[in-house]
Amino acid sequence: ARKARAAGQRPDASPRGAKLRDEVSALGVVFVKLAQTLATRPDLIGEEAAAGLESLQDSNKPFDDALAKTAVAEELADAPLELIELSKGPVAAASLAQVYKGETAGGAAVAVKVRRPGVVDQVALDCYAVRLLLAWLQDFWGGTVDYPAIVNEVTAGLFRELDFRKEASNAARFWEAHAADATYLRVPRAGFSRETRENAWSVTPRVHVAEWVEGKALGALPPARQRAMVRKGLDVCFLQLFGTGFVHADPHYGNMLYDPDDRLVLLDFGLVTRLTTSQREALSTAVAAIVDEDWPALLEAFREIGLVPPKPNIWCDARTGEPVSGLLPGVWKACSEEEFSESFVEALRDCSDEECSA
């Protein structure tokens, strides 16, 4: 899996990884979203698990085409855009929606995204269940991290994603913020009408119509074009974090393509965020600290960004009280500022040493 990922390829899932993927998919939307995030961190969950979960980013189990086409017909009945054809099946199926290739009466190719039936109720139920679970874990672990508050924030983000009008608006604002400085960037245009009447949309809460973009994923490109795509991806990432402060907050494998004109295509603007000036400055400090291996400075930058809790705690072995890896069983233990700083710096130095030896 590691060799495939290093070559820009999506690793094949092992039998155990495929079983994990199928079980997570059956749990529901929220768990799939969490798994999509974990799939980007093989350093935390292991290469085998990450390889199994990666396909959840764009290859979930699709729902019935008849339901999708009924939703399209209902939502776009009064829209200024007339669809005359939809692909026989979805070209991609994600956790919240699936996408079809369509054609308009004017001959334009479009991408038609349709929200999964019942997904709003499913998200609400899943988030409530996860919130109860984390509230129990907080009582069990102790510490100062407000886990239910984290779930509340994730839930709010998911509900914003469920209204495709917000996604279309986000995409337009993202393009306006970055187009001048990132001439290699492409953001598919959503099919809005210039009219102001409410029914003059081709984007509704349940259906999103945008221009169709031909492009390939990173793993489908030859090495030279892979490197070019990665360079542009890093460039636009830094532009967001240190320049505009307007950030695409879901940039996984399934949301990026490289088109025939060597432009980087970003998809799915359901999740975006804005960074404050102080957060952007702290991120700059953090990058400089990582380059210089100045771990105390990195800790202070993390405090400014909000990545480190205001009250210091260390994850410790319940029996010995000694600090242990966050991946091992343990409990949160209140500690002094000095203890926290020493533990933080030691962990980063250990990681740095491991990377050097590897």
Protein backbone atom coordinates (compact mmCIF):
# COMPACT_ATOMS: atom_id res chain seq x y z
CA ALA A 1 0.00 0.00 0.00
CA ARG A 2 2.80 2.42 0.88
CA LYS A 3 4.58 1.81 -2.44
CA ALA A 4 1.38 2.35 -4.40
CA ARG A 5 0.66 5.59 -2.55
CA ALA A 6 4.22 6.84 -3.08
CA ALA A 7 3.73 6.27 -6.82
CA GLY A 8 0.52 8.29 -6.79
CA GLN A 9 -1.69 5.21 -7.09
CA ARG A 10 -4.64 4.29 -4.94
CA PRO A 11 -3.70 1.09 -3.07
CA ASP A 12 -5.81 -2.01 -3.54
CA ALA A 13 -7.77 -3.02 -0.46
CA SER A 14 -6.81 -6.27 1.24
CA PRO A 15 -9.61 -8.70 2.18
CA ARG A 16 -9.57 -7.29 5.73
CA GLY A 17 -9.48 -3.72 4.42
CA ALA A 18 -12.42 -4.40 2.11
CA LYS A 19 -14.38 -5.92 5.01
CA LEU A 20 -13.65 -2.83 7.13
CA ARG A 21 -14.81 -0.57 4.29
CA ASP A 22 -18.07 -2.49 3.84
CA GLU A 23 -18.85 -2.49 7.57
CA VAL A 24 -18.19 1.25 7.89
CA SER A 25 -20.33 1.94 4.83
CA ALA A 26 -23.21 0.04 6.44
CA LEU A 27 -23.00 2.18 9.60
CA GLY A 28 -24.23 5.33 7.87
CA VAL A 29 -23.23 8.72 6.53
CA VAL A 30 -21.48 10.20 9.55
CA PHE A 31 -19.28 7.16 10.03
CA VAL A 32 -18.39 7.18 6.33
CA LYS A 33 -17.37 10.85 6.60
CA LEU A 34 -15.16 10.04 9.58
CA ALA A 35 -13.65 7.11 7.69
CA GLN A 36 -12.90 9.32 4.69
CA THR A 37 -10.85 11.57 6.96
CA LEU A 38 -9.07 8.65 8.61
CA ALA A 39 -8.20 7.25 5.18
CA THR A 40 -5.88 10.22 4.67
CA ARG A 41 -3.91 9.28 7.82
CA PRO A 42 -2.23 5.91 7.30
CA ASP A 43 0.27 7.05 9.91
CA LEU A 44 -2.50 6.82 12.51
CA ILE A 45 -4.61 3.85 11.41
CA GLY A 46 -2.08 1.84 9.40
CA GLU A 47 -1.58 1.32 5.68
CA GLU A 48 -3.97 -1.63 5.40
CA ALA A 49 -6.91 0.17 7.02
CA ALA A 50 -6.26 3.38 5.07
CA ALA A 51 -6.12 1.47 1.78
CA GLY A 52 -9.45 -0.18 2.60
CA LEU A 53 -11.19 3.09 3.49
CA GLU A 54 -9.88 5.26 0.64
CA SER A 55 -12.50 4.10 -1.84
CA LEU A 56 -15.21 5.55 0.42
CA GLN A 57 -14.12 8.96 -0.88
CA ASP A 58 -15.81 8.40 -4.25
CA SER A 59 -17.00 4.78 -4.50
CA ASN A 60 -19.77 4.28 -1.96
CA LYS A 61 -22.70 1.97 -2.62
CA PRO A 62 -25.03 3.88 -4.98
CA PHE A 63 -28.74 4.29 -4.39
CA ASP A 64 -31.47 3.51 -6.92
CA ASP A 65 -31.21 5.45 -10.20
CA ALA A 66 -34.99 5.77 -10.37
CA LEU A 67 -35.02 7.70 -7.08
CA ALA A 68 -32.27 9.99 -8.36
CA LYS A 69 -34.03 10.73 -11.63
CA THR A 70 -37.30 11.43 -9.82
CA ALA A 71 -35.52 13.93 -7.58
CA VAL A 72 -33.95 15.64 -10.60
CA ALA A 73 -37.30 15.91 -12.36
CA GLU A 74 -39.02 17.35 -9.27
CA GLU A 75 -36.30 19.78 -8.29
CA LEU A 76 -35.60 21.16 -11.76
CA ALA A 77 -39.18 21.25 -13.05
CA ASP A 78 -39.17 25.06 -13.30
CA ALA A 79 -35.46 25.58 -13.77
CA PRO A 80 -34.18 27.57 -16.78
CA LEU A 81 -31.93 24.63 -17.67
CA GLU A 82 -33.45 21.63 -19.47
CA LEU A 83 -31.80 18.24 -19.11
CA ILE A 84 -32.41 15.86 -22.00
CA GLU A 85 -30.18 13.00 -20.91
CA LEU A 86 -28.63 11.44 -17.80
CA SER A 87 -26.09 8.63 -17.71
CA LYS A 88 -27.54 5.18 -17.05
CA GLY A 89 -25.75 4.96 -13.72
CA PRO A 90 -23.78 7.28 -11.43
CA VAL A 91 -20.19 8.10 -12.38
CA ALA A 92 -19.38 8.55 -8.67
CA ALA A 93 -21.16 7.78 -5.40
CA ALA A 94 -20.13 9.63 -2.25
CA SER A 95 -21.44 9.58 1.31
CA LEU A 96 -24.03 12.34 0.86
CA ALA A 97 -24.83 12.19 -2.86
CA GLN A 98 -24.05 10.58 -6.19
CA VAL A 99 -23.13 12.17 -9.52
CA TYR A 100 -24.42 11.57 -13.04
CA LYS A 101 -23.21 12.90 -16.38
CA GLY A 102 -25.96 14.77 -18.18
CA GLU A 103 -26.61 16.77 -21.33
CA THR A 104 -28.66 19.94 -21.66
CA ALA A 105 -30.99 20.91 -24.49
CA GLY A 106 -28.24 23.27 -25.64
CA GLY A 107 -25.77 20.41 -25.98
CA ALA A 108 -23.66 21.20 -22.91
CA ALA A 109 -22.26 18.36 -20.80
CA VAL A 110 -23.07 18.78 -17.11
CA ALA A 111 -22.44 17.01 -13.81
CA VAL A 112 -25.66 16.38 -11.91
CA LYS A 113 -25.27 15.66 -8.21
CA VAL A 114 -28.26 14.22 -6.36
CA ARG A 115 -28.57 14.04 -2.58
CA ARG A 116 -29.17 10.61 -1.09
CA PRO A 117 -32.80 10.00 -0.07
CA GLY A 118 -33.32 10.18 3.69
CA VAL A 119 -29.81 11.43 4.32
CA VAL A 120 -30.92 14.42 6.42
CA ASP A 121 -32.67 12.18 8.97
CA GLN A 122 -29.74 9.73 8.86
CA VAL A 123 -27.18 12.47 9.60
CA ALA A 124 -29.27 13.76 12.51
CA LEU A 125 -29.62 10.27 14.02
CA ASP A 126 -25.95 9.36 13.50
CA CYS A 127 -24.71 12.60 15.02
CA TYR A 128 -26.97 12.17 18.04
CA ALA A 129 -25.66 8.63 18.58
CA VAL A 130 -22.03 9.73 18.24
CA ARG A 131 -22.63 12.64 20.61
CA LEU A 132 -24.01 10.31 23.29
CA LEU A 133 -21.05 7.96 22.82
CA LEU A 134 -18.46 10.73 23.13
CA ALA A 135 -20.22 12.24 26.13
CA TRP A 136 -19.85 8.85 27.84
CA LEU A 137 -16.21 8.63 26.77
CA GLN A 138 -15.57 12.11 28.14
CA ASP A 139 -16.92 11.03 31.52
CA PHE A 140 -14.76 7.91 31.34
CA TRP A 141 -11.55 9.60 30.17
CA GLY A 142 -11.89 12.91 31.97
CA GLY A 143 -9.76 15.78 30.70
CA THR A 144 -10.77 19.13 29.32
CA VAL A 145 -11.61 18.27 25.70
CA ASP A 146 -15.29 18.94 25.02
CA TYR A 147 -16.00 15.99 22.72
CA PRO A 148 -19.76 16.68 22.33
CA ALA A 149 -18.88 20.21 21.22
CA ILE A 150 -16.68 18.74 18.51
CA VAL A 151 -19.59 16.59 17.33
CA ASN A 152 -21.82 19.66 17.32
CA GLU A 153 -19.34 21.41 15.02
CA VAL A 154 -19.09 18.41 12.70
CA THR A 155 -22.89 18.11 12.64
CA ALA A 156 -23.28 21.78 11.69
CA GLY A 157 -20.78 21.27 8.86
CA LEU A 158 -22.62 18.21 7.58
CA PHE A 159 -25.95 20.03 7.51
CA ARG A 160 -24.35 22.87 5.56
CA GLU A 161 -23.13 20.27 3.05
CA LEU A 162 -26.66 18.95 2.66
CA ASP A 163 -27.89 22.20 1.05
CA PHE A 164 -26.32 22.28 -2.40
CA ARG A 165 -27.14 25.96 -2.83
CA LYS A 166 -24.51 26.72 -0.19
CA GLU A 167 -22.00 24.56 -2.05
CA ALA A 168 -22.63 26.43 -5.30
CA SER A 169 -22.22 29.76 -3.55
CA ASN A 170 -19.01 28.58 -1.86
CA ALA A 171 -17.55 27.47 -5.20
CA ALA A 172 -18.26 30.84 -6.80
CA ARG A 173 -16.71 32.73 -3.88
CA PHE A 174 -13.68 30.41 -3.85
CA TRP A 175 -13.08 31.03 -7.55
CA GLU A 176 -13.34 34.79 -7.12
CA ALA A 177 -10.86 34.70 -4.24
CA HIS A 178 -8.21 32.59 -6.01
CA ALA A 179 -8.55 32.90 -9.79
CA ALA A 180 -6.26 35.92 -10.17
CA ASP A 181 -3.33 34.35 -8.31
CA ALA A 182 -3.83 30.71 -9.36
CA THR A 183 -4.24 30.82 -13.14
CA TYR A 184 -3.80 27.02 -13.29
CA LEU A 185 -6.90 26.49 -11.12
CA ARG A 186 -10.30 25.39 -12.37
CA VAL A 187 -13.53 25.37 -10.37
CA PRO A 188 -16.57 23.99 -12.25
CA ARG A 189 -19.30 26.60 -12.64
CA ALA A 190 -22.61 25.78 -11.01
CA GLY A 191 -25.66 26.22 -13.24
CA PHE A 192 -27.19 29.36 -11.83
CA SER A 193 -29.49 31.56 -13.86
CA ARG A 194 -28.90 35.33 -13.88
CA GLU A 195 -32.56 35.79 -13.01
CA THR A 196 -33.57 36.60 -9.43
CA ARG A 197 -36.75 34.52 -9.26
CA GLU A 198 -36.48 31.73 -6.71
CA ASN A 199 -37.34 29.03 -9.24
CA ALA A 200 -34.71 30.27 -11.71
CA TRP A 201 -32.13 27.90 -10.26
CA SER A 202 -30.52 24.79 -11.60
CA VAL A 203 -29.14 24.21 -8.11
CA THR A 204 -31.54 23.34 -5.29
CA PRO A 205 -31.06 21.87 -1.81
CA ARG A 206 -31.26 18.35 -3.28
CA VAL A 207 -29.83 18.71 -6.81
CA HIS A 208 -26.67 20.46 -8.00
CA VAL A 209 -25.95 20.99 -11.70
CA ALA A 210 -22.52 22.23 -12.83
CA GLU A 211 -20.37 22.16 -15.93
CA TRP A 212 -18.85 18.78 -16.72
CA VAL A 213 -15.05 18.72 -16.43
CA GLU A 214 -12.90 16.12 -18.12
CA GLY A 215 -10.01 15.24 -15.87
CA LYS A 216 -8.02 12.44 -14.30
CA ALA A 217 -7.23 11.59 -10.69
CA LEU A 218 -3.64 11.70 -9.51
CA GLY A 219 -3.16 7.94 -9.79
CA ALA A 220 -4.24 7.88 -13.45
CA LEU A 221 -1.53 10.34 -14.55
CA PRO A 222 2.00 9.61 -15.79
CA PRO A 223 4.77 10.57 -13.32
CA ALA A 224 5.62 13.95 -14.91
CA ARG A 225 2.00 15.13 -14.80
CA GLN A 226 1.61 13.75 -11.28
CA ARG A 227 4.47 15.95 -10.13
CA ALA A 228 2.96 18.96 -11.88
CA MET A 229 -0.42 18.31 -10.25
CA VAL A 230 1.15 17.97 -6.80
CA ARG A 231 3.12 21.22 -7.23
CA LYS A 232 -0.05 23.08 -8.17
CA GLY A 233 -1.93 21.45 -5.32
CA LEU A 234 0.71 22.62 -2.84
CA ASP A 235 0.72 26.08 -4.38
CA VAL A 236 -3.03 26.55 -4.08
CA CYS A 237 -2.92 25.07 -0.57
CA PHE A 238 -0.40 27.69 0.54
CA LEU A 239 -2.40 30.39 -1.23
CA GLN A 240 -5.46 29.44 0.80
CA LEU A 241 -3.67 29.14 4.14
CA PHE A 242 -1.37 32.15 3.92
CA GLY A 243 -2.99 34.35 1.30
CA THR A 244 -6.75 34.45 1.02
CA GLY A 245 -7.65 32.60 4.23
CA PHE A 246 -10.57 31.04 2.33
CA VAL A 247 -9.99 27.27 2.60
CA HIS A 248 -11.46 24.25 0.82
CA ALA A 249 -11.91 22.06 3.90
CA ASP A 250 -12.40 18.66 2.20
CA PRO A 251 -9.48 18.25 -0.25
CA HIS A 252 -9.29 14.45 -0.40
CA TYR A 253 -8.34 12.21 -3.33
CA GLY A 254 -11.85 12.18 -4.81
CA ASN A 255 -12.18 15.97 -4.92
CA MET A 256 -9.21 16.77 -7.16
CA LEU A 257 -8.65 16.19 -10.88
CA TYR A 258 -6.10 17.27 -13.49
CA ASP A 259 -7.64 18.37 -16.79
CA PRO A 260 -6.23 18.02 -20.35
CA ASP A 261 -5.06 21.67 -20.24
CA ASP A 262 -2.92 20.96 -17.15
CA ARG A 263 -5.25 22.77 -14.79
CA LEU A 264 -5.91 21.63 -11.25
CA VAL A 265 -9.64 21.01 -10.79
CA LEU A 266 -11.14 21.29 -7.31
CA LEU A 267 -14.56 19.74 -6.68
CA ASP A 268 -17.13 19.68 -3.88
CA PHE A 269 -17.23 22.95 -1.95
CA GLY A 270 -19.73 21.77 0.66
CA LEU A 271 -17.14 22.34 3.39
CA VAL A 272 -15.16 25.58 3.42
CA THR A 273 -13.79 27.71 6.22
CA ARG A 274 -12.18 31.10 6.74
CA LEU A 275 -9.01 31.71 8.70
CA THR A 276 -8.47 34.86 10.73
CA THR A 277 -5.39 37.00 10.21
CA SER A 278 -3.92 35.79 13.50
CA GLN A 279 -4.49 32.14 12.49
CA ARG A 280 -2.74 32.70 9.16
CA GLU A 281 0.20 34.33 10.93
CA ALA A 282 0.36 31.45 13.41
CA LEU A 283 0.35 28.94 10.53
CA SER A 284 3.31 30.78 8.99
CA THR A 285 5.11 30.54 12.31
CA ALA A 286 4.27 26.84 12.53
CA VAL A 287 5.72 26.10 9.08
CA ALA A 288 8.92 27.99 9.91
CA ALA A 289 9.16 26.15 13.24
CA ILE A 290 8.81 22.76 11.53
CA VAL A 291 11.52 23.63 9.01
CA ASP A 292 13.82 24.80 11.83
CA GLU A 293 12.74 21.93 14.14
CA ASP A 294 11.94 24.59 16.73
CA TRP A 295 9.36 22.56 18.65
CA PRO A 296 8.66 25.06 21.46
CA ALA A 297 7.84 27.68 18.81
CA LEU A 298 5.58 25.16 17.08
CA LEU A 299 3.72 24.55 20.35
CA GLU A 300 3.07 28.28 20.77
CA ALA A 301 1.86 28.51 17.17
CA PHE A 302 -0.52 25.60 17.78
CA ARG A 303 -1.89 27.40 20.83
CA GLU A 304 -2.61 30.47 18.73
CA ILE A 305 -4.35 28.40 16.05
CA GLY A 306 -6.41 26.56 18.66
CA LEU A 307 -5.01 23.07 18.03
CA VAL A 308 -3.82 22.71 21.62
CA PRO A 309 -6.33 22.82 24.51
CA PRO A 310 -6.13 25.85 26.81
CA LYS A 311 -5.65 23.69 29.92
CA PRO A 312 -2.71 21.25 29.64
CA ASN A 313 -3.43 17.51 29.86
CA ILE A 314 -1.32 14.49 29.01
CA TRP A 315 -2.57 11.07 27.84
CA CYS A 316 -1.16 8.62 30.38
CA ASP A 317 -1.19 4.95 31.23
CA ALA A 318 -3.97 4.46 33.79
CA ARG A 319 -1.81 2.25 36.02
CA THR A 320 1.59 3.92 35.91
CA GLY A 321 0.58 7.52 35.26
CA GLU A 322 3.36 7.74 32.65
CA PRO A 323 2.70 9.47 29.28
CA VAL A 324 1.90 7.04 26.45
CA SER A 325 0.95 7.25 22.78
CA GLY A 326 -2.54 8.50 22.09
CA LEU A 327 -3.15 5.28 20.15
CA LEU A 328 -2.75 3.21 23.34
CA PRO A 329 -5.28 2.76 26.17
CA GLY A 330 -5.03 5.44 28.81
CA VAL A 331 -6.62 8.40 30.57
CA TRP A 332 -6.22 12.17 30.49
CA LYS A 333 -4.17 13.55 33.34
CA ALA A 334 -3.96 17.20 34.31
CA CYS A 335 -0.38 18.47 34.27
CA SER A 336 1.66 21.61 34.58
CA GLU A 337 2.52 23.82 31.62
CA GLU A 338 6.15 22.69 31.88
CA GLU A 339 5.22 18.98 31.81
CA PHE A 340 2.98 19.50 28.82
CA SER A 341 5.66 21.40 26.89
CA GLU A 342 8.30 18.78 27.65
CA SER A 343 5.99 15.94 26.56
CA PHE A 344 4.99 17.79 23.37
CA VAL A 345 8.58 18.57 22.38
CA GLU A 346 9.78 15.05 23.23
CA ALA A 347 7.07 13.49 21.06
CA LEU A 348 7.95 15.69 18.11
CA ARG A 349 11.67 14.98 18.48
CA ASP A 350 10.95 11.25 18.58
CA CYS A 351 8.90 11.55 15.37
CA SER A 352 11.68 13.54 13.74
CA ASP A 353 14.27 10.93 14.72
CA GLU A 354 12.08 8.12 13.36
CA GLU A 355 11.68 9.92 10.03
CA CYS A 356 15.43 10.43 9.77
CA SER A 357 16.17 6.75 10.52
CA ALA A 358 13.55 5.64 7.99
